[in-house]
Amino acid sequence: MKQPSDFFEVDLSMHLCGYFYIMSNTHNTVLYCGATTDLYNRVQEHKNEVYKNSFTSRYNINKLVYFESFSIAGEAFEREKQVKAGSRKKKIDLIERMNPEWKDLTEVLAGHASEELIRIKKLIK
């Protein structure tokens, strides 16, 4: 028997937002740049060391210090390439403009995630 979802198809890839982010360790000596479509879960993976042999696990990267959101996921991945190609000083300047105290911004994501869910629900309707 057909399900209601069989009658229409929604291509979420057209509507997925993306995030560029920078994480650091406790002493802010190591930086990691990444991009994803699910920032909260990706940060949790880093914090929980889901990938034991990864760079972030080896260097104890567990603090989100910077992020940007994009309405199109591909733009976030392009931003990642752009920032990774830049100097460490440029990365630090970027972080310090948004987060001069280098606080862990993970808690900020809860509110941001709620806004994003509302946006996606509107797109699907």
N, C-alpha and C. Protein backbone atom coordinates (compact mmCIF):
# COMPACT_ATOMS: atom_id res chain seq x y z
N MET A 1 0.84 -1.18 0.00
CA MET A 1 0.00 0.00 0.00
C MET A 1 0.89 1.25 0.00
N LYS A 2 0.47 2.21 -0.80
CA LYS A 2 1.25 3.45 -0.90
C LYS A 2 1.06 4.30 0.36
N GLN A 3 2.15 4.94 0.72
CA GLN A 3 2.13 5.87 1.84
C GLN A 3 1.89 7.27 1.30
N PRO A 4 1.38 8.20 2.11
CA PRO A 4 1.18 9.57 1.64
C PRO A 4 2.45 10.18 1.05
N SER A 5 3.59 9.82 1.60
CA SER A 5 4.84 10.39 1.10
C SER A 5 5.20 9.90 -0.30
N ASP A 6 4.56 8.80 -0.76
CA ASP A 6 4.83 8.29 -2.09
C ASP A 6 4.24 9.18 -3.18
N PHE A 7 3.33 10.05 -2.84
CA PHE A 7 2.64 10.86 -3.84
C PHE A 7 3.37 12.16 -4.18
N PHE A 8 4.33 12.52 -3.38
CA PHE A 8 5.12 13.70 -3.69
C PHE A 8 6.53 13.48 -3.18
N GLU A 9 7.45 14.14 -3.82
CA GLU A 9 8.84 14.00 -3.43
C GLU A 9 9.41 15.38 -3.16
N VAL A 10 10.05 15.54 -2.03
CA VAL A 10 10.66 16.81 -1.68
C VAL A 10 12.16 16.62 -1.71
N ASP A 11 12.83 17.41 -2.51
CA ASP A 11 14.28 17.34 -2.60
C ASP A 11 14.86 18.31 -1.57
N LEU A 12 15.18 17.77 -0.39
CA LEU A 12 15.68 18.63 0.69
C LEU A 12 17.06 19.18 0.40
N SER A 13 17.80 18.55 -0.50
CA SER A 13 19.14 19.07 -0.79
C SER A 13 19.06 20.47 -1.36
N MET A 14 17.95 20.80 -1.99
CA MET A 14 17.77 22.14 -2.53
C MET A 14 17.53 23.15 -1.40
N HIS A 15 17.09 22.65 -0.26
CA HIS A 15 16.69 23.54 0.82
C HIS A 15 17.58 23.43 2.05
N LEU A 16 18.57 22.54 2.00
CA LEU A 16 19.43 22.38 3.16
C LEU A 16 20.31 23.60 3.34
N CYS A 17 20.36 24.07 4.55
CA CYS A 17 21.28 25.16 4.84
C CYS A 17 22.62 24.52 5.18
N GLY A 18 23.63 25.33 5.28
CA GLY A 18 24.94 24.82 5.62
C GLY A 18 25.61 25.71 6.65
N TYR A 19 26.60 25.17 7.29
CA TYR A 19 27.33 25.90 8.32
C TYR A 19 28.82 25.73 8.11
N PHE A 20 29.54 26.81 8.23
CA PHE A 20 30.99 26.78 8.32
C PHE A 20 31.31 27.02 9.79
N TYR A 21 32.29 26.29 10.33
CA TYR A 21 32.58 26.46 11.75
C TYR A 21 34.07 26.30 12.03
N ILE A 22 34.48 26.86 13.15
CA ILE A 22 35.84 26.70 13.65
C ILE A 22 35.74 26.22 15.09
N MET A 23 36.51 25.18 15.39
CA MET A 23 36.58 24.66 16.75
C MET A 23 38.02 24.74 17.23
N SER A 24 38.19 24.69 18.55
CA SER A 24 39.51 24.75 19.14
C SER A 24 39.58 23.84 20.36
N ASN A 25 40.77 23.74 20.94
CA ASN A 25 40.93 22.98 22.17
C ASN A 25 40.79 23.92 23.37
N THR A 26 40.91 23.38 24.54
CA THR A 26 40.71 24.17 25.77
C THR A 26 41.62 25.38 25.85
N HIS A 27 42.86 25.24 25.41
CA HIS A 27 43.83 26.33 25.53
C HIS A 27 43.92 27.19 24.26
N ASN A 28 43.04 26.95 23.31
CA ASN A 28 42.97 27.72 22.05
C ASN A 28 44.28 27.69 21.26
N THR A 29 44.98 26.58 21.32
CA THR A 29 46.26 26.47 20.61
C THR A 29 46.12 25.75 19.26
N VAL A 30 45.03 25.02 19.06
CA VAL A 30 44.81 24.27 17.82
C VAL A 30 43.47 24.69 17.24
N LEU A 31 43.44 24.93 15.93
CA LEU A 31 42.20 25.31 15.25
C LEU A 31 41.80 24.24 14.26
N TYR A 32 40.49 24.02 14.14
CA TYR A 32 39.94 23.08 13.16
C TYR A 32 38.80 23.77 12.43
N CYS A 33 38.85 23.79 11.12
CA CYS A 33 37.78 24.37 10.31
C CYS A 33 36.97 23.25 9.66
N GLY A 34 35.66 23.41 9.62
CA GLY A 34 34.82 22.41 8.98
C GLY A 34 33.56 23.04 8.41
N ALA A 35 32.80 22.22 7.69
CA ALA A 35 31.51 22.64 7.15
C ALA A 35 30.57 21.45 7.23
N THR A 36 29.30 21.72 7.43
CA THR A 36 28.31 20.66 7.61
C THR A 36 26.92 21.19 7.34
N THR A 37 25.96 20.29 7.22
CA THR A 37 24.56 20.69 7.12
C THR A 37 23.84 20.55 8.46
N ASP A 38 24.50 19.97 9.45
CA ASP A 38 23.90 19.78 10.77
C ASP A 38 24.93 20.13 11.83
N LEU A 39 25.03 21.40 12.14
CA LEU A 39 26.10 21.88 13.01
C LEU A 39 26.02 21.31 14.42
N TYR A 40 24.83 21.28 15.00
CA TYR A 40 24.73 20.80 16.37
C TYR A 40 25.23 19.36 16.49
N ASN A 41 24.76 18.49 15.62
CA ASN A 41 25.18 17.09 15.69
C ASN A 41 26.66 16.93 15.36
N ARG A 42 27.16 17.70 14.43
CA ARG A 42 28.58 17.60 14.08
C ARG A 42 29.45 18.02 15.25
N VAL A 43 29.07 19.09 15.93
CA VAL A 43 29.83 19.54 17.10
C VAL A 43 29.79 18.46 18.19
N GLN A 44 28.63 17.83 18.37
CA GLN A 44 28.53 16.76 19.37
C GLN A 44 29.44 15.59 19.01
N GLU A 45 29.54 15.29 17.72
CA GLU A 45 30.46 14.22 17.29
C GLU A 45 31.89 14.56 17.67
N HIS A 46 32.29 15.81 17.46
CA HIS A 46 33.64 16.23 17.85
C HIS A 46 33.82 16.13 19.36
N LYS A 47 32.88 16.66 20.10
CA LYS A 47 32.98 16.67 21.56
C LYS A 47 33.02 15.26 22.15
N ASN A 48 32.26 14.36 21.56
CA ASN A 48 32.18 12.98 22.06
C ASN A 48 33.21 12.05 21.43
N GLU A 49 34.09 12.61 20.62
CA GLU A 49 35.15 11.85 19.96
C GLU A 49 34.62 10.59 19.27
N VAL A 50 33.57 10.78 18.48
CA VAL A 50 32.96 9.67 17.76
C VAL A 50 33.96 9.00 16.82
N TYR A 51 34.80 9.80 16.19
CA TYR A 51 35.82 9.26 15.28
C TYR A 51 37.16 9.30 16.02
N LYS A 52 37.53 8.20 16.63
CA LYS A 52 38.67 8.12 17.55
C LYS A 52 40.02 8.51 16.92
N ASN A 53 40.20 8.23 15.64
CA ASN A 53 41.48 8.52 14.99
C ASN A 53 41.50 9.85 14.26
N SER A 54 40.48 10.66 14.46
CA SER A 54 40.38 11.92 13.74
C SER A 54 41.31 12.99 14.33
N PHE A 55 41.55 14.02 13.54
CA PHE A 55 42.35 15.16 13.98
C PHE A 55 41.76 15.76 15.25
N THR A 56 40.45 15.93 15.28
CA THR A 56 39.82 16.58 16.44
C THR A 56 39.94 15.73 17.70
N SER A 57 39.91 14.42 17.56
CA SER A 57 40.10 13.56 18.74
C SER A 57 41.55 13.59 19.21
N ARG A 58 42.48 13.51 18.28
CA ARG A 58 43.91 13.50 18.64
C ARG A 58 44.34 14.77 19.35
N TYR A 59 43.76 15.92 18.94
CA TYR A 59 44.17 17.21 19.50
C TYR A 59 43.14 17.80 20.47
N ASN A 60 42.22 16.97 20.92
CA ASN A 60 41.22 17.39 21.92
C ASN A 60 40.46 18.65 21.52
N ILE A 61 40.02 18.68 20.27
CA ILE A 61 39.23 19.81 19.78
C ILE A 61 37.80 19.60 20.27
N ASN A 62 37.36 20.45 21.17
CA ASN A 62 36.04 20.24 21.78
C ASN A 62 35.27 21.52 22.06
N LYS A 63 35.71 22.62 21.47
CA LYS A 63 35.07 23.90 21.76
C LYS A 63 34.74 24.63 20.46
N LEU A 64 33.46 24.89 20.24
CA LEU A 64 33.02 25.65 19.07
C LEU A 64 33.27 27.13 19.36
N VAL A 65 34.13 27.76 18.56
CA VAL A 65 34.47 29.16 18.82
C VAL A 65 33.97 30.11 17.74
N TYR A 66 33.50 29.57 16.61
CA TYR A 66 33.02 30.44 15.53
C TYR A 66 32.14 29.62 14.60
N PHE A 67 31.08 30.26 14.06
CA PHE A 67 30.32 29.62 13.00
C PHE A 67 29.58 30.66 12.17
N GLU A 68 29.29 30.29 10.94
CA GLU A 68 28.49 31.10 10.01
C GLU A 68 27.44 30.17 9.43
N SER A 69 26.26 30.70 9.17
CA SER A 69 25.22 29.89 8.53
C SER A 69 24.97 30.41 7.12
N PHE A 70 24.61 29.50 6.23
CA PHE A 70 24.37 29.80 4.83
C PHE A 70 23.05 29.18 4.41
N SER A 71 22.33 29.86 3.54
CA SER A 71 21.05 29.33 3.09
C SER A 71 21.22 28.17 2.11
N ILE A 72 22.40 28.07 1.51
CA ILE A 72 22.70 26.97 0.59
C ILE A 72 23.95 26.26 1.11
N ALA A 73 23.84 24.95 1.30
CA ALA A 73 24.93 24.18 1.90
C ALA A 73 26.24 24.33 1.15
N GLY A 74 26.19 24.35 -0.16
CA GLY A 74 27.41 24.46 -0.95
C GLY A 74 28.22 25.70 -0.63
N GLU A 75 27.54 26.76 -0.26
CA GLU A 75 28.24 28.01 0.09
C GLU A 75 29.07 27.83 1.36
N ALA A 76 28.58 27.02 2.29
CA ALA A 76 29.33 26.76 3.52
C ALA A 76 30.61 26.00 3.21
N PHE A 77 30.53 25.04 2.29
CA PHE A 77 31.70 24.25 1.94
C PHE A 77 32.73 25.10 1.17
N GLU A 78 32.23 26.03 0.37
CA GLU A 78 33.14 26.97 -0.31
C GLU A 78 33.82 27.89 0.70
N ARG A 79 33.08 28.33 1.69
CA ARG A 79 33.65 29.19 2.73
C ARG A 79 34.73 28.43 3.51
N GLU A 80 34.49 27.15 3.77
CA GLU A 80 35.49 26.33 4.46
C GLU A 80 36.80 26.33 3.67
N LYS A 81 36.72 26.10 2.38
CA LYS A 81 37.93 26.09 1.54
C LYS A 81 38.64 27.44 1.59
N GLN A 82 37.85 28.51 1.52
CA GLN A 82 38.41 29.86 1.53
C GLN A 82 39.17 30.13 2.83
N VAL A 83 38.55 29.82 3.96
CA VAL A 83 39.17 30.11 5.25
C VAL A 83 40.36 29.18 5.50
N LYS A 84 40.23 27.91 5.15
CA LYS A 84 41.36 26.98 5.33
C LYS A 84 42.59 27.44 4.56
N ALA A 85 42.39 28.07 3.42
CA ALA A 85 43.51 28.55 2.60
C ALA A 85 44.19 29.77 3.20
N GLY A 86 43.51 30.42 4.14
CA GLY A 86 44.07 31.63 4.75
C GLY A 86 45.02 31.30 5.89
N SER A 87 45.65 32.33 6.40
CA SER A 87 46.63 32.16 7.48
C SER A 87 45.94 31.92 8.83
N ARG A 88 46.72 31.44 9.77
CA ARG A 88 46.21 31.25 11.13
C ARG A 88 45.76 32.60 11.70
N LYS A 89 46.52 33.67 11.42
CA LYS A 89 46.16 35.00 11.92
C LYS A 89 44.79 35.42 11.42
N LYS A 90 44.49 35.15 10.15
CA LYS A 90 43.17 35.50 9.61
C LYS A 90 42.07 34.73 10.31
N LYS A 91 42.33 33.48 10.63
CA LYS A 91 41.34 32.67 11.35
C LYS A 91 41.11 33.24 12.75
N ILE A 92 42.19 33.59 13.42
CA ILE A 92 42.09 34.16 14.76
C ILE A 92 41.34 35.49 14.72
N ASP A 93 41.64 36.32 13.74
CA ASP A 93 40.93 37.61 13.60
C ASP A 93 39.43 37.38 13.40
N LEU A 94 39.10 36.39 12.59
CA LEU A 94 37.70 36.06 12.34
C LEU A 94 37.00 35.65 13.64
N ILE A 95 37.64 34.79 14.40
CA ILE A 95 37.08 34.33 15.68
C ILE A 95 36.91 35.50 16.63
N GLU A 96 37.94 36.32 16.75
CA GLU A 96 37.92 37.39 17.75
C GLU A 96 36.95 38.51 17.44
N ARG A 97 36.57 38.68 16.17
CA ARG A 97 35.52 39.66 15.84
C ARG A 97 34.16 39.21 16.37
N MET A 98 33.90 37.92 16.32
CA MET A 98 32.61 37.39 16.77
C MET A 98 32.64 36.96 18.24
N ASN A 99 33.77 36.43 18.67
CA ASN A 99 33.86 35.78 19.97
C ASN A 99 35.20 36.12 20.63
N PRO A 100 35.37 37.38 21.07
CA PRO A 100 36.67 37.82 21.59
C PRO A 100 37.15 37.05 22.81
N GLU A 101 36.25 36.45 23.54
CA GLU A 101 36.65 35.70 24.74
C GLU A 101 36.84 34.20 24.45
N TRP A 102 36.65 33.80 23.21
CA TRP A 102 36.80 32.41 22.79
C TRP A 102 35.93 31.47 23.62
N LYS A 103 34.71 31.90 23.90
CA LYS A 103 33.78 31.05 24.65
C LYS A 103 33.27 29.92 23.76
N ASP A 104 32.86 28.83 24.40
CA ASP A 104 32.25 27.72 23.66
C ASP A 104 30.84 28.15 23.26
N LEU A 105 30.57 28.18 21.97
CA LEU A 105 29.29 28.66 21.45
C LEU A 105 28.25 27.56 21.27
N THR A 106 28.52 26.38 21.77
CA THR A 106 27.61 25.25 21.57
C THR A 106 26.20 25.58 22.07
N GLU A 107 26.09 26.26 23.20
CA GLU A 107 24.78 26.58 23.76
C GLU A 107 23.99 27.50 22.85
N VAL A 108 24.66 28.34 22.09
CA VAL A 108 24.01 29.25 21.16
C VAL A 108 23.25 28.45 20.08
N LEU A 109 23.75 27.26 19.79
CA LEU A 109 23.16 26.46 18.72
C LEU A 109 21.72 26.03 19.00
N ALA A 110 21.36 25.84 20.23
CA ALA A 110 20.01 25.39 20.56
C ALA A 110 18.97 26.35 20.00
N GLY A 111 19.15 27.64 20.22
CA GLY A 111 18.24 28.64 19.68
C GLY A 111 18.32 28.71 18.18
N HIS A 112 19.51 28.60 17.63
CA HIS A 112 19.71 28.65 16.18
C HIS A 112 19.05 27.45 15.50
N ALA A 113 19.13 26.27 16.14
CA ALA A 113 18.53 25.06 15.58
C ALA A 113 17.02 25.19 15.53
N SER A 114 16.42 25.79 16.55
CA SER A 114 14.97 25.97 16.56
C SER A 114 14.52 26.84 15.40
N GLU A 115 15.24 27.92 15.14
CA GLU A 115 14.92 28.80 14.01
C GLU A 115 15.03 28.06 12.69
N GLU A 116 16.03 27.21 12.57
CA GLU A 116 16.25 26.47 11.33
C GLU A 116 15.13 25.45 11.09
N LEU A 117 14.66 24.79 12.14
CA LEU A 117 13.55 23.84 11.99
C LEU A 117 12.29 24.54 11.49
N ILE A 118 12.03 25.72 11.98
CA ILE A 118 10.87 26.50 11.54
C ILE A 118 11.01 26.84 10.06
N ARG A 119 12.21 27.24 9.64
CA ARG A 119 12.46 27.58 8.24
C ARG A 119 12.24 26.37 7.33
N ILE A 120 12.74 25.21 7.74
CA ILE A 120 12.59 24.00 6.92
C ILE A 120 11.13 23.58 6.82
N LYS A 121 10.40 23.66 7.92
CA LYS A 121 8.98 23.29 7.89
C LYS A 121 8.20 24.18 6.90
N LYS A 122 8.54 25.46 6.86
CA LYS A 122 7.88 26.37 5.92
C LYS A 122 8.20 26.00 4.47
N LEU A 123 9.43 25.58 4.23
CA LEU A 123 9.83 25.20 2.87
C LEU A 123 9.12 23.93 2.38
N ILE A 124 8.87 23.03 3.30
CA ILE A 124 8.24 21.75 2.93
C ILE A 124 6.74 21.92 2.65
N LYS A 125 6.10 22.87 3.30
CA LYS A 125 4.65 23.05 3.14
C LYS A 125 4.27 23.43 1.74
